[in-house]
Amino acid sequence: RAWKEHTYARANDILQRMIAQHAGGNEEARPDVCSFHAVIRACSRTVEATSSPEKHREALLLAISTVQHMKKSESHRPNAKSYLLLLQCCANLLPSGSVECEKALSSIFRSCRKDGLVNRQVLKQFQSTVSTEAYHREVVRDAPTYDGIKSLPETWTRSLGYRPRTRSGTDGDGMVTEKRNPIISVGGEVIGSTAYNDHRMRRRWEKKNQKVLQGGRS
């Protein structure tokens, strides 16, 4: 049991040895993003080994510091999966519905959107673990509208690495118009920008969007 309780510490020890050995010239010990994710997953599983709130917070702090270390790195920057795992870890380790948990989740989400890494999975995870009020405040309230659909700002998704997809058309001045794809609605749906040229598709998404404007957990 004691071994299980400290799995996150053991995982971190392995990662730190890899970092040290690679810094010492051992190229085979180079950690990758998955190496850091293994530590976050181990932190999240602490809830299976102990009910101690102190251990849970210790594990969460390690998970957060792991992502912070990634943010300072040139070779293994965090990706959307990193933030998804961190949100899941936070939801697992802090009391559900507590002020502490909601503040921590909101802080993680703000960091994710600042880094431009909010994808569907991150958005859905955040939506499912915070209150309606928190989701509306962090996501819906200031979301821009695209053809009647509340959507995430492009800055929130700019680093996802999607291959640009464009459509071309000619406006009244003879200029070519290009729109980036995908667009993610506040409900977590990925919508191709070309779909908005179809009136029926637009009405469909407008109707669906009305159901998720409040967001969050019931």
N, C-alpha and C. Protein backbone atom coordinates (compact mmCIF):
# COMPACT_ATOMS: atom_id res chain seq x y z
N ARG A 1 0.83 -1.20 0.00
CA ARG A 1 0.00 0.00 0.00
C ARG A 1 0.87 1.25 0.00
N ALA A 2 1.90 1.28 0.81
CA ALA A 2 2.78 2.45 0.87
C ALA A 2 3.41 2.71 -0.49
N TRP A 3 3.76 1.64 -1.20
CA TRP A 3 4.35 1.80 -2.53
C TRP A 3 3.35 2.48 -3.46
N LYS A 4 2.06 2.03 -3.39
CA LYS A 4 1.05 2.61 -4.25
C LYS A 4 0.83 4.08 -3.95
N GLU A 5 0.88 4.44 -2.68
CA GLU A 5 0.63 5.82 -2.29
C GLU A 5 1.68 6.77 -2.86
N HIS A 6 2.85 6.26 -3.15
CA HIS A 6 3.93 7.13 -3.60
C HIS A 6 4.30 6.85 -5.05
N THR A 7 3.38 6.28 -5.81
CA THR A 7 3.64 6.01 -7.22
C THR A 7 3.97 7.28 -7.97
N TYR A 8 3.28 8.38 -7.66
CA TYR A 8 3.55 9.63 -8.35
C TYR A 8 4.96 10.14 -8.07
N ALA A 9 5.43 9.91 -6.83
CA ALA A 9 6.79 10.32 -6.49
C ALA A 9 7.81 9.46 -7.24
N ARG A 10 7.53 8.18 -7.35
CA ARG A 10 8.43 7.29 -8.09
C ARG A 10 8.46 7.65 -9.57
N ALA A 11 7.29 7.95 -10.12
CA ALA A 11 7.24 8.35 -11.53
C ALA A 11 8.04 9.62 -11.76
N ASN A 12 7.94 10.55 -10.84
CA ASN A 12 8.70 11.79 -10.97
C ASN A 12 10.19 11.55 -10.82
N ASP A 13 10.57 10.64 -9.93
CA ASP A 13 12.00 10.32 -9.77
C ASP A 13 12.57 9.77 -11.07
N ILE A 14 11.82 8.90 -11.73
CA ILE A 14 12.28 8.34 -13.00
C ILE A 14 12.44 9.45 -14.03
N LEU A 15 11.47 10.36 -14.09
CA LEU A 15 11.54 11.46 -15.05
C LEU A 15 12.75 12.34 -14.76
N GLN A 16 12.97 12.65 -13.50
CA GLN A 16 14.10 13.52 -13.16
C GLN A 16 15.44 12.85 -13.48
N ARG A 17 15.52 11.53 -13.32
CA ARG A 17 16.75 10.82 -13.69
C ARG A 17 16.96 10.87 -15.19
N MET A 18 15.88 10.73 -15.94
CA MET A 18 15.98 10.83 -17.41
C MET A 18 16.50 12.21 -17.81
N ILE A 19 15.94 13.25 -17.19
CA ILE A 19 16.36 14.62 -17.52
C ILE A 19 17.83 14.82 -17.19
N ALA A 20 18.24 14.32 -16.02
CA ALA A 20 19.63 14.49 -15.60
C ALA A 20 20.59 13.71 -16.50
N GLN A 21 20.22 12.48 -16.85
CA GLN A 21 21.08 11.67 -17.71
C GLN A 21 21.18 12.26 -19.12
N HIS A 22 20.08 12.77 -19.62
CA HIS A 22 20.12 13.39 -20.94
C HIS A 22 20.98 14.64 -20.93
N ALA A 23 20.87 15.42 -19.84
CA ALA A 23 21.70 16.62 -19.71
C ALA A 23 23.17 16.25 -19.63
N GLY A 24 23.45 15.03 -19.14
CA GLY A 24 24.83 14.56 -19.03
C GLY A 24 25.36 13.93 -20.30
N GLY A 25 24.54 13.92 -21.34
CA GLY A 25 25.02 13.41 -22.63
C GLY A 25 24.44 12.10 -23.09
N ASN A 26 23.58 11.50 -22.28
CA ASN A 26 22.96 10.23 -22.67
C ASN A 26 21.74 10.52 -23.54
N GLU A 27 21.91 10.43 -24.84
CA GLU A 27 20.83 10.77 -25.76
C GLU A 27 19.66 9.80 -25.65
N GLU A 28 19.93 8.56 -25.28
CA GLU A 28 18.87 7.57 -25.17
C GLU A 28 17.92 7.85 -24.01
N ALA A 29 18.36 8.69 -23.08
CA ALA A 29 17.54 9.01 -21.91
C ALA A 29 16.67 10.24 -22.14
N ARG A 30 16.67 10.77 -23.36
CA ARG A 30 15.90 11.98 -23.64
C ARG A 30 14.42 11.74 -23.34
N PRO A 31 13.82 12.54 -22.44
CA PRO A 31 12.39 12.40 -22.18
C PRO A 31 11.58 13.03 -23.31
N ASP A 32 10.37 12.54 -23.51
CA ASP A 32 9.48 13.17 -24.47
C ASP A 32 8.21 13.59 -23.74
N VAL A 33 7.25 14.09 -24.47
CA VAL A 33 6.01 14.57 -23.86
C VAL A 33 5.32 13.45 -23.08
N CYS A 34 5.38 12.24 -23.61
CA CYS A 34 4.74 11.11 -22.94
C CYS A 34 5.37 10.82 -21.57
N SER A 35 6.65 11.12 -21.44
CA SER A 35 7.33 10.92 -20.16
C SER A 35 6.73 11.83 -19.09
N PHE A 36 6.43 13.06 -19.47
CA PHE A 36 5.82 14.00 -18.54
C PHE A 36 4.37 13.64 -18.27
N HIS A 37 3.69 13.17 -19.30
CA HIS A 37 2.30 12.76 -19.12
C HIS A 37 2.19 11.58 -18.17
N ALA A 38 3.18 10.72 -18.15
CA ALA A 38 3.17 9.56 -17.25
C ALA A 38 3.15 10.02 -15.79
N VAL A 39 3.86 11.10 -15.50
CA VAL A 39 3.88 11.64 -14.14
C VAL A 39 2.50 12.19 -13.78
N ILE A 40 1.89 12.94 -14.70
CA ILE A 40 0.56 13.51 -14.43
C ILE A 40 -0.46 12.40 -14.20
N ARG A 41 -0.38 11.35 -15.02
CA ARG A 41 -1.31 10.22 -14.84
C ARG A 41 -1.10 9.54 -13.49
N ALA A 42 0.15 9.40 -13.09
CA ALA A 42 0.45 8.78 -11.79
C ALA A 42 -0.11 9.63 -10.66
N CYS A 43 -0.01 10.95 -10.80
CA CYS A 43 -0.57 11.86 -9.79
C CYS A 43 -2.08 11.67 -9.72
N SER A 44 -2.73 11.57 -10.85
CA SER A 44 -4.19 11.43 -10.90
C SER A 44 -4.64 10.14 -10.23
N ARG A 45 -3.83 9.08 -10.35
CA ARG A 45 -4.21 7.79 -9.77
C ARG A 45 -4.01 7.72 -8.25
N THR A 46 -3.49 8.77 -7.66
CA THR A 46 -3.30 8.79 -6.21
C THR A 46 -4.61 8.57 -5.47
N VAL A 47 -5.70 9.04 -6.07
CA VAL A 47 -7.01 8.89 -5.43
C VAL A 47 -7.37 7.42 -5.24
N GLU A 48 -6.80 6.51 -6.06
CA GLU A 48 -7.09 5.08 -5.95
C GLU A 48 -6.32 4.44 -4.79
N ALA A 49 -5.27 5.10 -4.33
CA ALA A 49 -4.40 4.50 -3.33
C ALA A 49 -4.58 5.04 -1.92
N THR A 50 -5.06 6.27 -1.82
CA THR A 50 -5.19 6.88 -0.50
C THR A 50 -6.32 7.89 -0.50
N SER A 51 -6.96 8.04 0.64
CA SER A 51 -8.03 9.02 0.80
C SER A 51 -7.52 10.28 1.48
N SER A 52 -6.21 10.37 1.69
CA SER A 52 -5.62 11.50 2.40
C SER A 52 -5.69 12.78 1.57
N PRO A 53 -6.40 13.81 2.02
CA PRO A 53 -6.44 15.08 1.29
C PRO A 53 -5.06 15.70 1.11
N GLU A 54 -4.20 15.49 2.12
CA GLU A 54 -2.85 16.04 2.02
C GLU A 54 -2.07 15.40 0.88
N LYS A 55 -2.20 14.09 0.73
CA LYS A 55 -1.52 13.39 -0.36
C LYS A 55 -2.11 13.79 -1.71
N HIS A 56 -3.42 13.99 -1.75
CA HIS A 56 -4.06 14.41 -2.98
C HIS A 56 -3.53 15.78 -3.43
N ARG A 57 -3.42 16.70 -2.49
CA ARG A 57 -2.93 18.03 -2.84
C ARG A 57 -1.46 18.00 -3.23
N GLU A 58 -0.71 17.14 -2.55
CA GLU A 58 0.71 16.99 -2.89
C GLU A 58 0.87 16.47 -4.31
N ALA A 59 0.05 15.50 -4.67
CA ALA A 59 0.10 14.94 -6.01
C ALA A 59 -0.33 15.97 -7.05
N LEU A 60 -1.37 16.76 -6.74
CA LEU A 60 -1.83 17.78 -7.67
C LEU A 60 -0.77 18.85 -7.89
N LEU A 61 -0.11 19.25 -6.83
CA LEU A 61 0.96 20.25 -6.97
C LEU A 61 2.09 19.72 -7.85
N LEU A 62 2.39 18.43 -7.73
CA LEU A 62 3.42 17.84 -8.59
C LEU A 62 2.96 17.84 -10.04
N ALA A 63 1.70 17.51 -10.28
CA ALA A 63 1.18 17.51 -11.65
C ALA A 63 1.25 18.91 -12.26
N ILE A 64 0.87 19.91 -11.47
CA ILE A 64 0.92 21.30 -11.96
C ILE A 64 2.36 21.72 -12.24
N SER A 65 3.27 21.37 -11.35
CA SER A 65 4.68 21.76 -11.55
C SER A 65 5.27 21.03 -12.76
N THR A 66 4.77 19.84 -13.05
CA THR A 66 5.23 19.09 -14.23
C THR A 66 4.87 19.83 -15.51
N VAL A 67 3.65 20.33 -15.59
CA VAL A 67 3.24 21.10 -16.76
C VAL A 67 4.00 22.42 -16.83
N GLN A 68 4.23 23.03 -15.68
CA GLN A 68 5.00 24.28 -15.67
C GLN A 68 6.42 24.05 -16.18
N HIS A 69 7.00 22.91 -15.81
CA HIS A 69 8.33 22.57 -16.32
C HIS A 69 8.29 22.42 -17.84
N MET A 70 7.25 21.80 -18.35
CA MET A 70 7.10 21.64 -19.80
C MET A 70 7.01 23.00 -20.50
N LYS A 71 6.31 23.94 -19.87
CA LYS A 71 6.13 25.26 -20.48
C LYS A 71 7.46 26.00 -20.62
N LYS A 72 8.42 25.67 -19.77
CA LYS A 72 9.73 26.33 -19.82
C LYS A 72 10.69 25.62 -20.75
N SER A 73 10.28 24.46 -21.25
CA SER A 73 11.17 23.65 -22.08
C SER A 73 11.06 24.03 -23.55
N GLU A 74 12.15 23.84 -24.27
CA GLU A 74 12.15 24.09 -25.70
C GLU A 74 11.80 22.83 -26.49
N SER A 75 12.02 21.67 -25.89
CA SER A 75 11.88 20.41 -26.64
C SER A 75 10.62 19.61 -26.30
N HIS A 76 9.96 19.87 -25.19
CA HIS A 76 8.75 19.12 -24.85
C HIS A 76 7.72 20.07 -24.24
N ARG A 77 7.24 20.96 -25.07
CA ARG A 77 6.20 21.89 -24.65
C ARG A 77 4.88 21.15 -24.42
N PRO A 78 4.03 21.65 -23.52
CA PRO A 78 2.74 20.99 -23.30
C PRO A 78 1.86 21.09 -24.54
N ASN A 79 1.00 20.11 -24.71
CA ASN A 79 0.03 20.14 -25.78
C ASN A 79 -1.37 20.05 -25.17
N ALA A 80 -2.38 19.95 -25.99
CA ALA A 80 -3.75 19.90 -25.48
C ALA A 80 -3.95 18.70 -24.54
N LYS A 81 -3.30 17.58 -24.84
CA LYS A 81 -3.40 16.40 -23.99
C LYS A 81 -2.86 16.68 -22.60
N SER A 82 -1.79 17.47 -22.52
CA SER A 82 -1.21 17.82 -21.22
C SER A 82 -2.24 18.50 -20.34
N TYR A 83 -2.96 19.46 -20.92
CA TYR A 83 -3.96 20.19 -20.15
C TYR A 83 -5.19 19.32 -19.85
N LEU A 84 -5.54 18.45 -20.78
CA LEU A 84 -6.65 17.54 -20.51
C LEU A 84 -6.33 16.65 -19.30
N LEU A 85 -5.13 16.10 -19.28
CA LEU A 85 -4.72 15.25 -18.16
C LEU A 85 -4.68 16.03 -16.85
N LEU A 86 -4.24 17.28 -16.92
CA LEU A 86 -4.16 18.10 -15.71
C LEU A 86 -5.56 18.44 -15.19
N LEU A 87 -6.49 18.74 -16.08
CA LEU A 87 -7.87 18.98 -15.66
C LEU A 87 -8.46 17.73 -15.02
N GLN A 88 -8.21 16.57 -15.61
CA GLN A 88 -8.71 15.32 -15.06
C GLN A 88 -8.09 15.05 -13.70
N CYS A 89 -6.82 15.33 -13.57
CA CYS A 89 -6.10 15.13 -12.31
C CYS A 89 -6.71 16.00 -11.22
N CYS A 90 -6.93 17.25 -11.54
CA CYS A 90 -7.52 18.18 -10.58
C CYS A 90 -8.90 17.72 -10.15
N ALA A 91 -9.72 17.32 -11.11
CA ALA A 91 -11.08 16.85 -10.80
C ALA A 91 -11.05 15.59 -9.94
N ASN A 92 -10.06 14.75 -10.13
CA ASN A 92 -9.94 13.51 -9.35
C ASN A 92 -9.49 13.77 -7.92
N LEU A 93 -8.62 14.74 -7.74
CA LEU A 93 -7.92 14.90 -6.46
C LEU A 93 -8.53 15.92 -5.51
N LEU A 94 -9.33 16.83 -6.01
CA LEU A 94 -9.96 17.83 -5.14
C LEU A 94 -11.45 17.52 -5.00
N PRO A 95 -12.05 17.89 -3.88
CA PRO A 95 -13.47 17.60 -3.66
C PRO A 95 -14.35 18.19 -4.76
N SER A 96 -15.16 17.35 -5.37
CA SER A 96 -16.03 17.78 -6.46
C SER A 96 -16.98 18.87 -6.01
N GLY A 97 -17.08 19.94 -6.80
CA GLY A 97 -17.99 21.02 -6.49
C GLY A 97 -17.49 22.02 -5.48
N SER A 98 -16.31 21.78 -4.92
CA SER A 98 -15.77 22.70 -3.91
C SER A 98 -15.23 23.96 -4.57
N VAL A 99 -15.17 25.04 -3.79
CA VAL A 99 -14.61 26.29 -4.29
C VAL A 99 -13.16 26.10 -4.70
N GLU A 100 -12.42 25.33 -3.91
CA GLU A 100 -11.02 25.06 -4.21
C GLU A 100 -10.85 24.38 -5.56
N CYS A 101 -11.69 23.37 -5.80
CA CYS A 101 -11.60 22.62 -7.05
C CYS A 101 -11.96 23.50 -8.24
N GLU A 102 -13.03 24.27 -8.11
CA GLU A 102 -13.46 25.11 -9.23
C GLU A 102 -12.42 26.19 -9.55
N LYS A 103 -11.81 26.75 -8.53
CA LYS A 103 -10.77 27.76 -8.76
C LYS A 103 -9.57 27.14 -9.48
N ALA A 104 -9.18 25.94 -9.04
CA ALA A 104 -8.03 25.27 -9.65
C ALA A 104 -8.33 24.90 -11.10
N LEU A 105 -9.52 24.38 -11.37
CA LEU A 105 -9.90 24.02 -12.73
C LEU A 105 -9.93 25.25 -13.63
N SER A 106 -10.48 26.35 -13.13
CA SER A 106 -10.54 27.58 -13.92
C SER A 106 -9.16 28.12 -14.21
N SER A 107 -8.26 28.03 -13.25
CA SER A 107 -6.89 28.49 -13.44
C SER A 107 -6.18 27.67 -14.52
N ILE A 108 -6.37 26.35 -14.48
CA ILE A 108 -5.77 25.47 -15.48
C ILE A 108 -6.33 25.79 -16.86
N PHE A 109 -7.64 25.99 -16.94
CA PHE A 109 -8.26 26.28 -18.22
C PHE A 109 -7.77 27.61 -18.80
N ARG A 110 -7.61 28.61 -17.94
CA ARG A 110 -7.10 29.90 -18.42
C ARG A 110 -5.69 29.76 -18.97
N SER A 111 -4.89 28.95 -18.33
CA SER A 111 -3.53 28.72 -18.81
C SER A 111 -3.56 28.03 -20.17
N CYS A 112 -4.48 27.08 -20.31
CA CYS A 112 -4.61 26.35 -21.57
C CYS A 112 -5.03 27.28 -22.70
N ARG A 113 -6.00 28.13 -22.46
CA ARG A 113 -6.45 29.02 -23.52
C ARG A 113 -5.40 30.09 -23.82
N LYS A 114 -4.62 30.49 -22.82
CA LYS A 114 -3.53 31.43 -23.05
C LYS A 114 -2.48 30.82 -23.98
N ASP A 115 -2.27 29.51 -23.85
CA ASP A 115 -1.32 28.81 -24.71
C ASP A 115 -1.93 28.42 -26.06
N GLY A 116 -3.21 28.71 -26.26
CA GLY A 116 -3.86 28.40 -27.54
C GLY A 116 -4.08 26.93 -27.77
N LEU A 117 -4.37 26.17 -26.69
CA LEU A 117 -4.46 24.71 -26.79
C LEU A 117 -5.82 24.14 -26.38
N VAL A 118 -6.86 24.95 -26.50
CA VAL A 118 -8.19 24.46 -26.14
C VAL A 118 -8.79 23.69 -27.32
N ASN A 119 -8.90 22.38 -27.16
CA ASN A 119 -9.57 21.57 -28.19
C ASN A 119 -10.89 21.06 -27.63
N ARG A 120 -11.58 20.23 -28.39
CA ARG A 120 -12.89 19.74 -27.97
C ARG A 120 -12.82 18.99 -26.64
N GLN A 121 -11.81 18.13 -26.50
CA GLN A 121 -11.71 17.30 -25.29
C GLN A 121 -11.46 18.16 -24.05
N VAL A 122 -10.59 19.15 -24.18
CA VAL A 122 -10.32 20.05 -23.06
C VAL A 122 -11.59 20.81 -22.68
N LEU A 123 -12.28 21.33 -23.68
CA LEU A 123 -13.49 22.10 -23.43
C LEU A 123 -14.57 21.24 -22.76
N LYS A 124 -14.76 20.03 -23.26
CA LYS A 124 -15.76 19.13 -22.69
C LYS A 124 -15.41 18.74 -21.25
N GLN A 125 -14.13 18.49 -21.01
CA GLN A 125 -13.71 18.14 -19.65
C GLN A 125 -13.97 19.30 -18.69
N PHE A 126 -13.63 20.50 -19.11
CA PHE A 126 -13.86 21.67 -18.27
C PHE A 126 -15.36 21.86 -18.04
N GLN A 127 -16.15 21.72 -19.07
CA GLN A 127 -17.60 21.90 -18.97
C GLN A 127 -18.22 20.90 -18.00
N SER A 128 -17.72 19.68 -18.00
CA SER A 128 -18.32 18.62 -17.18
C SER A 128 -17.93 18.69 -15.71
N THR A 129 -16.93 19.51 -15.38
CA THR A 129 -16.43 19.51 -14.00
C THR A 129 -16.58 20.83 -13.26
N VAL A 130 -17.10 21.86 -13.93
CA VAL A 130 -17.33 23.13 -13.23
C VAL A 130 -18.82 23.46 -13.25
N SER A 131 -19.19 24.43 -12.46
CA SER A 131 -20.59 24.83 -12.40
C SER A 131 -21.01 25.57 -13.66
N THR A 132 -22.30 25.67 -13.84
CA THR A 132 -22.85 26.42 -14.97
C THR A 132 -22.33 27.86 -14.97
N GLU A 133 -22.29 28.45 -13.78
CA GLU A 133 -21.85 29.84 -13.67
C GLU A 133 -20.40 30.00 -14.08
N ALA A 134 -19.56 29.08 -13.63
CA ALA A 134 -18.13 29.17 -13.96
C ALA A 134 -17.91 28.97 -15.46
N TYR A 135 -18.64 28.03 -16.06
CA TYR A 135 -18.48 27.78 -17.50
C TYR A 135 -18.94 29.00 -18.30
N HIS A 136 -20.03 29.58 -17.90
CA HIS A 136 -20.52 30.76 -18.60
C HIS A 136 -19.51 31.91 -18.48
N ARG A 137 -18.95 32.07 -17.29
CA ARG A 137 -17.99 33.15 -17.06
C ARG A 137 -16.71 32.94 -17.85
N GLU A 138 -16.21 31.74 -17.87
CA GLU A 138 -14.90 31.48 -18.49
C GLU A 138 -14.98 31.25 -20.00
N VAL A 139 -16.13 30.79 -20.49
CA VAL A 139 -16.22 30.40 -21.90
C VAL A 139 -17.27 31.18 -22.68
N VAL A 140 -18.49 31.15 -22.19
CA VAL A 140 -19.62 31.63 -23.00
C VAL A 140 -19.74 33.14 -23.03
N ARG A 141 -19.58 33.79 -21.89
CA ARG A 141 -19.93 35.21 -21.76
C ARG A 141 -19.28 36.10 -22.82
N ASP A 142 -17.99 35.96 -23.01
CA ASP A 142 -17.28 36.85 -23.93
C ASP A 142 -16.93 36.19 -25.26
N ALA A 143 -17.56 35.06 -25.55
CA ALA A 143 -17.25 34.35 -26.80
C ALA A 143 -17.76 35.15 -27.99
N PRO A 144 -16.96 35.26 -29.05
CA PRO A 144 -17.41 35.95 -30.26
C PRO A 144 -18.47 35.13 -30.98
N THR A 145 -19.27 35.81 -31.78
CA THR A 145 -20.32 35.14 -32.54
C THR A 145 -19.90 35.03 -34.00
N TYR A 146 -20.04 33.83 -34.54
CA TYR A 146 -19.73 33.61 -35.95
C TYR A 146 -20.98 33.10 -36.64
N ASP A 147 -21.57 33.94 -37.48
CA ASP A 147 -22.82 33.59 -38.16
C ASP A 147 -23.88 33.10 -37.18
N GLY A 148 -23.99 33.79 -36.06
CA GLY A 148 -25.01 33.45 -35.08
C GLY A 148 -24.63 32.37 -34.11
N ILE A 149 -23.44 31.81 -34.23
CA ILE A 149 -22.98 30.73 -33.35
C ILE A 149 -21.90 31.26 -32.42
N LYS A 150 -22.11 31.10 -31.13
CA LYS A 150 -21.07 31.46 -30.17
C LYS A 150 -19.92 30.47 -30.31
N SER A 151 -18.72 31.00 -30.59
CA SER A 151 -17.56 30.14 -30.86
C SER A 151 -16.36 30.60 -30.06
N LEU A 152 -15.39 29.70 -29.90
CA LEU A 152 -14.18 30.06 -29.17
C LEU A 152 -13.35 31.05 -29.98
N PRO A 153 -12.71 32.00 -29.30
CA PRO A 153 -11.79 32.90 -30.00
C PRO A 153 -10.68 32.08 -30.67
N GLU A 154 -10.23 32.52 -31.83
CA GLU A 154 -9.19 31.78 -32.55
C GLU A 154 -7.90 31.70 -31.74
N THR A 155 -7.66 32.69 -30.89
CA THR A 155 -6.43 32.66 -30.08
C THR A 155 -6.42 31.47 -29.13
N TRP A 156 -7.60 30.98 -28.74
CA TRP A 156 -7.66 29.84 -27.83
C TRP A 156 -7.27 28.54 -28.50
N THR A 157 -7.32 28.48 -29.82
CA THR A 157 -7.05 27.24 -30.55
C THR A 157 -5.85 27.37 -31.50
N ARG A 158 -5.16 28.48 -31.42
CA ARG A 158 -4.13 28.80 -32.43
C ARG A 158 -2.96 27.82 -32.43
N SER A 159 -2.71 27.12 -31.32
CA SER A 159 -1.52 26.26 -31.22
C SER A 159 -1.85 24.78 -31.37
N LEU A 160 -3.05 24.47 -31.80
CA LEU A 160 -3.46 23.06 -31.89
C LEU A 160 -2.79 22.31 -33.02
N GLY A 161 -2.26 23.03 -34.00
CA GLY A 161 -1.55 22.35 -35.07
C GLY A 161 -2.44 21.83 -36.16
N TYR A 162 -3.67 22.34 -36.24
CA TYR A 162 -4.53 21.93 -37.35
C TYR A 162 -3.94 22.40 -38.66
N ARG A 163 -4.09 21.58 -39.66
CA ARG A 163 -3.67 21.97 -41.00
C ARG A 163 -4.68 22.99 -41.52
N PRO A 164 -4.22 24.17 -41.94
CA PRO A 164 -5.16 25.20 -42.40
C PRO A 164 -6.02 24.68 -43.55
N ARG A 165 -7.29 24.96 -43.47
CA ARG A 165 -8.21 24.59 -44.53
C ARG A 165 -8.97 25.85 -44.90
N THR A 166 -8.98 26.19 -46.13
CA THR A 166 -9.58 27.46 -46.52
C THR A 166 -10.60 27.27 -47.61
N ARG A 167 -11.45 28.27 -47.74
CA ARG A 167 -12.33 28.33 -48.89
C ARG A 167 -12.10 29.68 -49.55
N SER A 168 -12.22 29.75 -50.79
CA SER A 168 -11.98 30.99 -51.50
C SER A 168 -13.26 31.47 -52.17
N GLY A 169 -13.43 32.76 -52.13
CA GLY A 169 -14.59 33.35 -52.79
C GLY A 169 -14.23 34.77 -53.17
N THR A 170 -15.06 35.41 -53.94
CA THR A 170 -14.78 36.77 -54.37
C THR A 170 -15.82 37.71 -53.78
N ASP A 171 -15.35 38.72 -53.09
CA ASP A 171 -16.29 39.68 -52.54
C ASP A 171 -16.54 40.80 -53.54
N GLY A 172 -17.26 41.83 -53.14
CA GLY A 172 -17.62 42.91 -54.04
C GLY A 172 -16.45 43.67 -54.60
N ASP A 173 -15.33 43.64 -53.92
CA ASP A 173 -14.15 44.36 -54.38
C ASP A 173 -13.20 43.47 -55.17
N GLY A 174 -13.64 42.27 -55.44
CA GLY A 174 -12.78 41.37 -56.18
C GLY A 174 -11.68 40.74 -55.34
N MET A 175 -11.80 40.83 -54.01
CA MET A 175 -10.79 40.27 -53.11
C MET A 175 -11.15 38.84 -52.77
N VAL A 176 -10.13 38.01 -52.53
CA VAL A 176 -10.34 36.61 -52.16
C VAL A 176 -10.47 36.52 -50.65
N THR A 177 -11.53 35.87 -50.20
CA THR A 177 -11.78 35.70 -48.78
C THR A 177 -11.40 34.29 -48.36
N GLU A 178 -10.65 34.18 -47.26
CA GLU A 178 -10.26 32.87 -46.74
C GLU A 178 -10.68 32.78 -45.27
N LYS A 179 -11.20 31.64 -44.88
CA LYS A 179 -11.59 31.43 -43.50
C LYS A 179 -10.89 30.20 -42.96
N ARG A 180 -10.43 30.33 -41.72
CA ARG A 180 -9.70 29.24 -41.10
C ARG A 180 -10.68 28.16 -40.63
N ASN A 181 -10.23 26.92 -40.66
CA ASN A 181 -11.01 25.79 -40.24
C ASN A 181 -10.12 24.95 -39.31
N PRO A 182 -10.60 24.41 -38.22
CA PRO A 182 -11.98 24.39 -37.78
C PRO A 182 -12.33 25.55 -36.86
N ILE A 183 -13.62 25.72 -36.65
CA ILE A 183 -14.15 26.64 -35.65
C ILE A 183 -14.80 25.77 -34.59
N ILE A 184 -14.55 26.06 -33.31
CA ILE A 184 -15.12 25.27 -32.23
C ILE A 184 -16.17 26.11 -31.51
N SER A 185 -17.39 25.61 -31.45
CA SER A 185 -18.46 26.33 -30.77
C SER A 185 -18.28 26.21 -29.26
N VAL A 186 -19.00 27.06 -28.51
CA VAL A 186 -18.90 26.99 -27.06
C VAL A 186 -19.46 25.68 -26.52
N GLY A 187 -20.18 24.95 -27.36
CA GLY A 187 -20.68 23.63 -26.96
C GLY A 187 -19.72 22.51 -27.26
N GLY A 188 -18.56 22.84 -27.86
CA GLY A 188 -17.54 21.83 -28.12
C GLY A 188 -17.65 21.16 -29.46
N GLU A 189 -18.45 21.70 -30.36
CA GLU A 189 -18.59 21.11 -31.69
C GLU A 189 -17.60 21.75 -32.65
N VAL A 190 -16.90 20.92 -33.42
CA VAL A 190 -15.99 21.43 -34.44
C VAL A 190 -16.78 21.59 -35.73
N ILE A 191 -16.76 22.81 -36.25
CA ILE A 191 -17.58 23.14 -37.40
C ILE A 191 -16.70 23.64 -38.53
N GLY A 192 -16.81 23.04 -39.72
CA GLY A 192 -16.09 23.53 -40.89
C GLY A 192 -16.68 24.84 -41.34
N SER A 193 -15.83 25.82 -41.59
CA SER A 193 -16.34 27.14 -41.95
C SER A 193 -17.17 27.13 -43.22
N THR A 194 -16.90 26.21 -44.12
CA THR A 194 -17.69 26.17 -45.36
C THR A 194 -19.13 25.78 -45.11
N ALA A 195 -19.38 25.13 -44.00
CA ALA A 195 -20.74 24.72 -43.70
C ALA A 195 -21.66 25.91 -43.49
N TYR A 196 -21.08 27.02 -43.11
CA TYR A 196 -21.90 28.19 -42.82
C TYR A 196 -22.48 28.83 -44.07
N ASN A 197 -22.02 28.40 -45.24
CA ASN A 197 -22.62 28.91 -46.46
C ASN A 197 -23.98 28.28 -46.73
N ASP A 198 -24.21 27.21 -46.05
CA ASP A 198 -25.48 26.49 -46.22
C ASP A 198 -26.45 26.97 -45.14
N HIS A 199 -27.55 27.57 -45.56
CA HIS A 199 -28.49 28.14 -44.60
C HIS A 199 -29.07 27.10 -43.66
N ARG A 200 -29.35 25.92 -44.15
CA ARG A 200 -29.91 24.88 -43.31
C ARG A 200 -28.94 24.44 -42.23
N MET A 201 -27.65 24.35 -42.59
CA MET A 201 -26.65 23.99 -41.60
C MET A 201 -26.53 25.07 -40.54
N ARG A 202 -26.61 26.31 -40.96
CA ARG A 202 -26.52 27.41 -40.00
C ARG A 202 -27.66 27.36 -39.00
N ARG A 203 -28.87 27.12 -39.48
CA ARG A 203 -30.02 27.04 -38.59
C ARG A 203 -29.89 25.86 -37.63
N ARG A 204 -29.33 24.78 -38.13
CA ARG A 204 -29.15 23.60 -37.27
C ARG A 204 -28.23 23.91 -36.10
N TRP A 205 -27.09 24.56 -36.37
CA TRP A 205 -26.13 24.85 -35.31
C TRP A 205 -26.64 25.95 -34.37
N GLU A 206 -27.40 26.89 -34.92
CA GLU A 206 -27.97 27.93 -34.07
C GLU A 206 -28.91 27.31 -33.04
N LYS A 207 -29.72 26.36 -33.51
CA LYS A 207 -30.66 25.69 -32.62
C LYS A 207 -29.91 24.89 -31.56
N LYS A 208 -28.88 24.18 -31.97
CA LYS A 208 -28.12 23.37 -31.02
C LYS A 208 -27.36 24.24 -30.03
N ASN A 209 -26.86 25.38 -30.53
CA ASN A 209 -26.08 26.25 -29.67
C ASN A 209 -26.92 26.83 -28.53
N GLN A 210 -28.21 27.04 -28.77
CA GLN A 210 -29.08 27.59 -27.74
C GLN A 210 -29.14 26.67 -26.52
N LYS A 211 -28.95 25.38 -26.76
CA LYS A 211 -29.05 24.40 -25.67
C LYS A 211 -27.80 24.38 -24.80
N VAL A 212 -26.69 24.95 -25.31
CA VAL A 212 -25.44 24.84 -24.55
C VAL A 212 -24.89 26.18 -24.12
N LEU A 213 -25.64 27.26 -24.39
CA LEU A 213 -25.13 28.58 -24.04
C LEU A 213 -24.85 28.71 -22.54
N GLN A 214 -25.66 28.02 -21.73
CA GLN A 214 -25.43 28.09 -20.29
C GLN A 214 -24.24 27.25 -19.87
N GLY A 215 -23.98 26.15 -20.58
CA GLY A 215 -22.80 25.30 -20.32
C GLY A 215 -22.79 24.74 -18.92
N GLY A 216 -21.61 24.14 -18.59
CA GLY A 216 -21.36 23.68 -17.23
C GLY A 216 -22.19 22.48 -16.80
N ARG A 217 -22.09 22.16 -15.53
CA ARG A 217 -22.77 21.02 -14.94
C ARG A 217 -24.12 21.46 -14.41
N SER A 218 -25.12 20.64 -14.50
CA SER A 218 -26.45 20.99 -13.99
C SER A 218 -26.42 21.11 -12.48
